[in-house]
Amino acid sequence: MQGNSSEYYRKREQQCRALAAKAQDAGIRRVHLDFAERYASAAEAGAGPPASPGLDFGAPLHGSALAN
């Protein structure tokens, strides 16, 4: 299961980086990169599957409008 979880997080990291590369707005690009970094950390840590749909690590996104 951990292998599948790591694969999931790596895939989501790649998707977020691709979206960041396409984003024309710097703020949106930063949000995608923040998510990509979190997914990369989860993959490296061998985190289990997400508890619910979406990304919820319980920490605010640094420097983004979503942190408020």
PDB file of N, CA and C in Angstrom:
ATOM      1  N   MET A   1       0.820  -1.198   0.000  1.00  0.00           N
ATOM      2  CA  MET A   1       0.000   0.000   0.000  1.00  0.00           C
ATOM      3  C   MET A   1       0.857   1.252   0.000  1.00  0.00           C
ATOM      4  N   GLN A   2       1.970   1.256   0.760  1.00  0.00           N
ATOM      5  CA  GLN A   2       2.807   2.446   0.784  1.00  0.00           C
ATOM      6  C   GLN A   2       3.363   2.766  -0.589  1.00  0.00           C
ATOM      7  N   GLY A   3       3.739   1.741  -1.354  1.00  0.00           N
ATOM      8  CA  GLY A   3       4.228   1.987  -2.705  1.00  0.00           C
ATOM      9  C   GLY A   3       3.183   2.700  -3.533  1.00  0.00           C
ATOM     10  N   ASN A   4       1.933   2.249  -3.427  1.00  0.00           N
ATOM     11  CA  ASN A   4       0.850   2.897  -4.156  1.00  0.00           C
ATOM     12  C   ASN A   4       0.634   4.321  -3.665  1.00  0.00           C
ATOM     13  N   SER A   5       0.759   4.536  -2.358  1.00  0.00           N
ATOM     14  CA  SER A   5       0.594   5.882  -1.810  1.00  0.00           C
ATOM     15  C   SER A   5       1.687   6.802  -2.323  1.00  0.00           C
ATOM     16  N   SER A   6       2.932   6.318  -2.316  1.00  0.00           N
ATOM     17  CA  SER A   6       4.034   7.132  -2.827  1.00  0.00           C
ATOM     18  C   SER A   6       3.828   7.453  -4.295  1.00  0.00           C
ATOM     19  N   GLU A   7       3.358   6.476  -5.054  1.00  0.00           N
ATOM     20  CA  GLU A   7       3.076   6.713  -6.476  1.00  0.00           C
ATOM     21  C   GLU A   7       1.989   7.773  -6.635  1.00  0.00           C
ATOM     22  N   TYR A   8       0.968   7.685  -5.809  1.00  0.00           N
ATOM     23  CA  TYR A   8      -0.116   8.665  -5.856  1.00  0.00           C
ATOM     24  C   TYR A   8       0.430  10.066  -5.603  1.00  0.00           C
ATOM     25  N   TYR A   9       1.227  10.215  -4.535  1.00  0.00           N
ATOM     26  CA  TYR A   9       1.756  11.533  -4.189  1.00  0.00           C
ATOM     27  C   TYR A   9       2.715  12.048  -5.260  1.00  0.00           C
ATOM     28  N   ARG A  10       3.506  11.175  -5.850  1.00  0.00           N
ATOM     29  CA  ARG A  10       4.409  11.602  -6.933  1.00  0.00           C
ATOM     30  C   ARG A  10       3.604  12.062  -8.155  1.00  0.00           C
ATOM     31  N   LYS A  11       2.554  11.322  -8.464  1.00  0.00           N
ATOM     32  CA  LYS A  11       1.713  11.712  -9.603  1.00  0.00           C
ATOM     33  C   LYS A  11       1.077  13.073  -9.356  1.00  0.00           C
ATOM     34  N   ARG A  12       0.547  13.284  -8.149  1.00  0.00           N
ATOM     35  CA  ARG A  12      -0.070  14.572  -7.815  1.00  0.00           C
ATOM     36  C   ARG A  12       0.972  15.691  -7.829  1.00  0.00           C
ATOM     37  N   GLU A  13       2.192  15.396  -7.369  1.00  0.00           N
ATOM     38  CA  GLU A  13       3.273  16.388  -7.419  1.00  0.00           C
ATOM     39  C   GLU A  13       3.527  16.814  -8.864  1.00  0.00           C
ATOM     40  N   GLN A  14       3.639  15.840  -9.754  1.00  0.00           N
ATOM     41  CA  GLN A  14       3.886  16.144 -11.171  1.00  0.00           C
ATOM     42  C   GLN A  14       2.743  16.959 -11.768  1.00  0.00           C
ATOM     43  N   GLN A  15       1.511  16.610 -11.423  1.00  0.00           N
ATOM     44  CA  GLN A  15       0.362  17.356 -11.936  1.00  0.00           C
ATOM     45  C   GLN A  15       0.391  18.804 -11.456  1.00  0.00           C
ATOM     46  N   CYS A  16       0.714  19.004 -10.194  1.00  0.00           N
ATOM     47  CA  CYS A  16       0.769  20.369  -9.649  1.00  0.00           C
ATOM     48  C   CYS A  16       1.896  21.169 -10.288  1.00  0.00           C
ATOM     49  N   ARG A  17       3.027  20.539 -10.520  1.00  0.00           N
ATOM     50  CA  ARG A  17       4.136  21.246 -11.170  1.00  0.00           C
ATOM     51  C   ARG A  17       3.770  21.614 -12.609  1.00  0.00           C
ATOM     52  N   ALA A  18       3.058  20.730 -13.296  1.00  0.00           N
ATOM     53  CA  ALA A  18       2.621  21.034 -14.662  1.00  0.00           C
ATOM     54  C   ALA A  18       1.641  22.204 -14.663  1.00  0.00           C
ATOM     55  N   LEU A  19       0.718  22.215 -13.715  1.00  0.00           N
ATOM     56  CA  LEU A  19      -0.224  23.332 -13.612  1.00  0.00           C
ATOM     57  C   LEU A  19       0.497  24.631 -13.274  1.00  0.00           C
ATOM     58  N   ALA A  20       1.506  24.551 -12.413  1.00  0.00           N
ATOM     59  CA  ALA A  20       2.287  25.742 -12.064  1.00  0.00           C
ATOM     60  C   ALA A  20       2.995  26.294 -13.295  1.00  0.00           C
ATOM     61  N   ALA A  21       3.520  25.413 -14.114  1.00  0.00           N
ATOM     62  CA  ALA A  21       4.230  25.850 -15.319  1.00  0.00           C
ATOM     63  C   ALA A  21       3.298  26.551 -16.301  1.00  0.00           C
ATOM     64  N   LYS A  22       2.033  26.177 -16.294  1.00  0.00           N
ATOM     65  CA  LYS A  22       1.058  26.776 -17.212  1.00  0.00           C
ATOM     66  C   LYS A  22       0.401  28.030 -16.646  1.00  0.00           C
ATOM     67  N   ALA A  23       0.489  28.220 -15.337  1.00  0.00           N
ATOM     68  CA  ALA A  23      -0.199  29.343 -14.690  1.00  0.00           C
ATOM     69  C   ALA A  23       0.426  30.671 -15.111  1.00  0.00           C
ATOM     70  N   GLN A  24      -0.419  31.597 -15.507  1.00  0.00           N
ATOM     71  CA  GLN A  24       0.054  32.919 -15.897  1.00  0.00           C
ATOM     72  C   GLN A  24       0.152  33.850 -14.693  1.00  0.00           C
ATOM     73  N   ASP A  25      -0.633  33.604 -13.673  1.00  0.00           N
ATOM     74  CA  ASP A  25      -0.638  34.427 -12.465  1.00  0.00           C
ATOM     75  C   ASP A  25       0.385  33.871 -11.465  1.00  0.00           C
ATOM     76  N   ALA A  26       1.254  34.746 -10.962  1.00  0.00           N
ATOM     77  CA  ALA A  26       2.305  34.316 -10.039  1.00  0.00           C
ATOM     78  C   ALA A  26       1.737  33.732  -8.743  1.00  0.00           C
ATOM     79  N   GLY A  27       0.632  34.269  -8.256  1.00  0.00           N
ATOM     80  CA  GLY A  27       0.018  33.751  -7.039  1.00  0.00           C
ATOM     81  C   GLY A  27      -0.507  32.339  -7.220  1.00  0.00           C
ATOM     82  N   ILE A  28      -1.155  32.104  -8.343  1.00  0.00           N
ATOM     83  CA  ILE A  28      -1.674  30.764  -8.649  1.00  0.00           C
ATOM     84  C   ILE A  28      -0.516  29.793  -8.836  1.00  0.00           C
ATOM     85  N   ARG A  29       0.525  30.239  -9.524  1.00  0.00           N
ATOM     86  CA  ARG A  29       1.711  29.400  -9.722  1.00  0.00           C
ATOM     87  C   ARG A  29       2.295  28.992  -8.365  1.00  0.00           C
ATOM     88  N   ARG A  30       2.375  29.934  -7.416  1.00  0.00           N
ATOM     89  CA  ARG A  30       2.935  29.652  -6.091  1.00  0.00           C
ATOM     90  C   ARG A  30       2.072  28.636  -5.334  1.00  0.00           C
ATOM     91  N   VAL A  31       0.753  28.754  -5.452  1.00  0.00           N
ATOM     92  CA  VAL A  31      -0.140  27.791  -4.788  1.00  0.00           C
ATOM     93  C   VAL A  31       0.108  26.386  -5.332  1.00  0.00           C
ATOM     94  N   HIS A  32       0.191  26.264  -6.656  1.00  0.00           N
ATOM     95  CA  HIS A  32       0.457  24.945  -7.257  1.00  0.00           C
ATOM     96  C   HIS A  32       1.811  24.403  -6.799  1.00  0.00           C
ATOM     97  N   LEU A  33       2.816  25.266  -6.726  1.00  0.00           N
ATOM     98  CA  LEU A  33       4.134  24.819  -6.277  1.00  0.00           C
ATOM     99  C   LEU A  33       4.124  24.432  -4.801  1.00  0.00           C
ATOM    100  N   ASP A  34       3.360  25.149  -3.986  1.00  0.00           N
ATOM    101  CA  ASP A  34       3.223  24.770  -2.573  1.00  0.00           C
ATOM    102  C   ASP A  34       2.624  23.372  -2.446  1.00  0.00           C
ATOM    103  N   PHE A  35       1.571  23.122  -3.210  1.00  0.00           N
ATOM    104  CA  PHE A  35       0.963  21.790  -3.186  1.00  0.00           C
ATOM    105  C   PHE A  35       1.953  20.740  -3.681  1.00  0.00           C
ATOM    106  N   ALA A  36       2.686  21.040  -4.743  1.00  0.00           N
ATOM    107  CA  ALA A  36       3.669  20.094  -5.278  1.00  0.00           C
ATOM    108  C   ALA A  36       4.711  19.745  -4.221  1.00  0.00           C
ATOM    109  N   GLU A  37       5.178  20.744  -3.488  1.00  0.00           N
ATOM    110  CA  GLU A  37       6.172  20.508  -2.439  1.00  0.00           C
ATOM    111  C   GLU A  37       5.606  19.635  -1.328  1.00  0.00           C
ATOM    112  N   ARG A  38       4.353  19.849  -0.982  1.00  0.00           N
ATOM    113  CA  ARG A  38       3.717  19.023   0.056  1.00  0.00           C
ATOM    114  C   ARG A  38       3.552  17.582  -0.419  1.00  0.00           C
ATOM    115  N   TYR A  39       3.149  17.412  -1.667  1.00  0.00           N
ATOM    116  CA  TYR A  39       3.033  16.057  -2.209  1.00  0.00           C
ATOM    117  C   TYR A  39       4.391  15.371  -2.245  1.00  0.00           C
ATOM    118  N   ALA A  40       5.446  16.096  -2.627  1.00  0.00           N
ATOM    119  CA  ALA A  40       6.790  15.521  -2.660  1.00  0.00           C
ATOM    120  C   ALA A  40       7.218  15.085  -1.261  1.00  0.00           C
ATOM    121  N   SER A  41       6.947  15.904  -0.268  1.00  0.00           N
ATOM    122  CA  SER A  41       7.286  15.563   1.118  1.00  0.00           C
ATOM    123  C   SER A  41       6.533  14.322   1.579  1.00  0.00           C
ATOM    124  N   ALA A  42       5.262  14.242   1.222  1.00  0.00           N
ATOM    125  CA  ALA A  42       4.456  13.078   1.600  1.00  0.00           C
ATOM    126  C   ALA A  42       4.998  11.813   0.944  1.00  0.00           C
ATOM    127  N   ALA A  43       5.396  11.906  -0.313  1.00  0.00           N
ATOM    128  CA  ALA A  43       5.942  10.748  -1.023  1.00  0.00           C
ATOM    129  C   ALA A  43       7.254  10.301  -0.386  1.00  0.00           C
ATOM    130  N   GLU A  44       8.114  11.254  -0.056  1.00  0.00           N
ATOM    131  CA  GLU A  44       9.405  10.925   0.550  1.00  0.00           C
ATOM    132  C   GLU A  44       9.240  10.336   1.943  1.00  0.00           C
ATOM    133  N   ALA A  45       8.244  10.801   2.676  1.00  0.00           N
ATOM    134  CA  ALA A  45       8.009  10.320   4.037  1.00  0.00           C
ATOM    135  C   ALA A  45       7.298   8.971   4.055  1.00  0.00           C
ATOM    136  N   GLY A  46       6.823   8.529   2.899  1.00  0.00           N
ATOM    137  CA  GLY A  46       6.084   7.279   2.852  1.00  0.00           C
ATOM    138  C   GLY A  46       4.730   7.396   3.511  1.00  0.00           C
ATOM    139  N   ALA A  47       4.133   8.574   3.403  1.00  0.00           N
ATOM    140  CA  ALA A  47       2.823   8.821   4.007  1.00  0.00           C
ATOM    141  C   ALA A  47       1.794   7.850   3.449  1.00  0.00           C
ATOM    142  N   GLY A  48       0.844   7.519   4.277  1.00  0.00           N
ATOM    143  CA  GLY A  48      -0.237   6.643   3.852  1.00  0.00           C
ATOM    144  C   GLY A  48      -1.172   7.363   2.912  1.00  0.00           C
ATOM    145  N   PRO A  49      -2.214   6.678   2.490  1.00  0.00           N
ATOM    146  CA  PRO A  49      -3.166   7.297   1.568  1.00  0.00           C
ATOM    147  C   PRO A  49      -3.882   8.463   2.231  1.00  0.00           C
ATOM    148  N   PRO A  50      -4.337   9.416   1.432  1.00  0.00           N
ATOM    149  CA  PRO A  50      -5.077  10.547   2.000  1.00  0.00           C
ATOM    150  C   PRO A  50      -6.318  10.053   2.737  1.00  0.00           C
ATOM    151  N   ALA A  51      -6.656  10.711   3.835  1.00  0.00           N
ATOM    152  CA  ALA A  51      -7.814  10.319   4.632  1.00  0.00           C
ATOM    153  C   ALA A  51      -9.119  10.625   3.909  1.00  0.00           C
ATOM    154  N   SER A  52      -9.112  11.643   3.084  1.00  0.00           N
ATOM    155  CA  SER A  52     -10.302  12.038   2.340  1.00  0.00           C
ATOM    156  C   SER A  52      -9.859  12.625   1.009  1.00  0.00           C
ATOM    157  N   PRO A  53     -10.784  12.789   0.079  1.00  0.00           N
ATOM    158  CA  PRO A  53     -10.399  13.366  -1.206  1.00  0.00           C
ATOM    159  C   PRO A  53      -9.735  14.727  -1.023  1.00  0.00           C
ATOM    160  N   GLY A  54      -8.732  14.988  -1.806  1.00  0.00           N
ATOM    161  CA  GLY A  54      -8.030  16.265  -1.729  1.00  0.00           C
ATOM    162  C   GLY A  54      -6.833  16.192  -0.797  1.00  0.00           C
ATOM    163  N   LEU A  55      -6.143  17.279  -0.699  1.00  0.00           N
ATOM    164  CA  LEU A  55      -4.936  17.356   0.110  1.00  0.00           C
ATOM    165  C   LEU A  55      -5.244  18.070   1.409  1.00  0.00           C
ATOM    166  N   ASP A  56      -5.026  17.383   2.542  1.00  0.00           N
ATOM    167  CA  ASP A  56      -5.294  18.009   3.826  1.00  0.00           C
ATOM    168  C   ASP A  56      -4.214  17.599   4.809  1.00  0.00           C
ATOM    169  N   PHE A  57      -3.137  18.356   4.863  1.00  0.00           N
ATOM    170  CA  PHE A  57      -2.072  18.061   5.803  1.00  0.00           C
ATOM    171  C   PHE A  57      -2.205  18.882   7.076  1.00  0.00           C
ATOM    172  N   GLY A  58      -3.259  19.682   7.184  1.00  0.00           N
ATOM    173  CA  GLY A  58      -3.507  20.426   8.398  1.00  0.00           C
ATOM    174  C   GLY A  58      -2.629  21.640   8.617  1.00  0.00           C
ATOM    175  N   ALA A  59      -1.817  21.994   7.646  1.00  0.00           N
ATOM    176  CA  ALA A  59      -0.956  23.170   7.779  1.00  0.00           C
ATOM    177  C   ALA A  59      -1.349  24.195   6.729  1.00  0.00           C
ATOM    178  N   PRO A  60      -1.281  25.466   7.084  1.00  0.00           N
ATOM    179  CA  PRO A  60      -1.644  26.498   6.098  1.00  0.00           C
ATOM    180  C   PRO A  60      -0.631  26.568   4.973  1.00  0.00           C
ATOM    181  N   LEU A  61      -1.083  27.005   3.833  1.00  0.00           N
ATOM    182  CA  LEU A  61      -0.187  27.244   2.710  1.00  0.00           C
ATOM    183  C   LEU A  61       0.557  28.540   2.972  1.00  0.00           C
ATOM    184  N   HIS A  62       1.845  28.501   2.884  1.00  0.00           N
ATOM    185  CA  HIS A  62       2.671  29.672   3.169  1.00  0.00           C
ATOM    186  C   HIS A  62       2.578  30.679   2.042  1.00  0.00           C
ATOM    187  N   GLY A  63       2.300  31.923   2.404  1.00  0.00           N
ATOM    188  CA  GLY A  63       2.320  33.009   1.438  1.00  0.00           C
ATOM    189  C   GLY A  63       1.203  33.001   0.424  1.00  0.00           C
ATOM    190  N   SER A  64       0.144  32.269   0.686  1.00  0.00           N
ATOM    191  CA  SER A  64      -0.952  32.234  -0.282  1.00  0.00           C
ATOM    192  C   SER A  64      -2.219  32.814   0.333  1.00  0.00           C
ATOM    193  N   ALA A  65      -3.145  33.142  -0.511  1.00  0.00           N
ATOM    194  CA  ALA A  65      -4.429  33.668  -0.052  1.00  0.00           C
ATOM    195  C   ALA A  65      -5.190  32.618   0.746  1.00  0.00           C
ATOM    196  N   LEU A  66      -4.897  31.352   0.523  1.00  0.00           N
ATOM    197  CA  LEU A  66      -5.590  30.283   1.230  1.00  0.00           C
ATOM    198  C   LEU A  66      -5.143  30.171   2.679  1.00  0.00           C
ATOM    199  N   ALA A  67      -4.047  30.806   3.038  1.00  0.00           N
ATOM    200  CA  ALA A  67      -3.543  30.728   4.407  1.00  0.00           C
ATOM    201  C   ALA A  67      -4.382  31.551   5.369  1.00  0.00           C
ATOM    202  N   ASN A  68      -5.211  32.451   4.868  1.00  0.00           N
ATOM    203  CA  ASN A  68      -6.003  33.330   5.741  1.00  0.00           C
ATOM    204  C   ASN A  68      -7.254  32.691   6.214  1.00  0.00           C
TER     205      ASN A  68
END
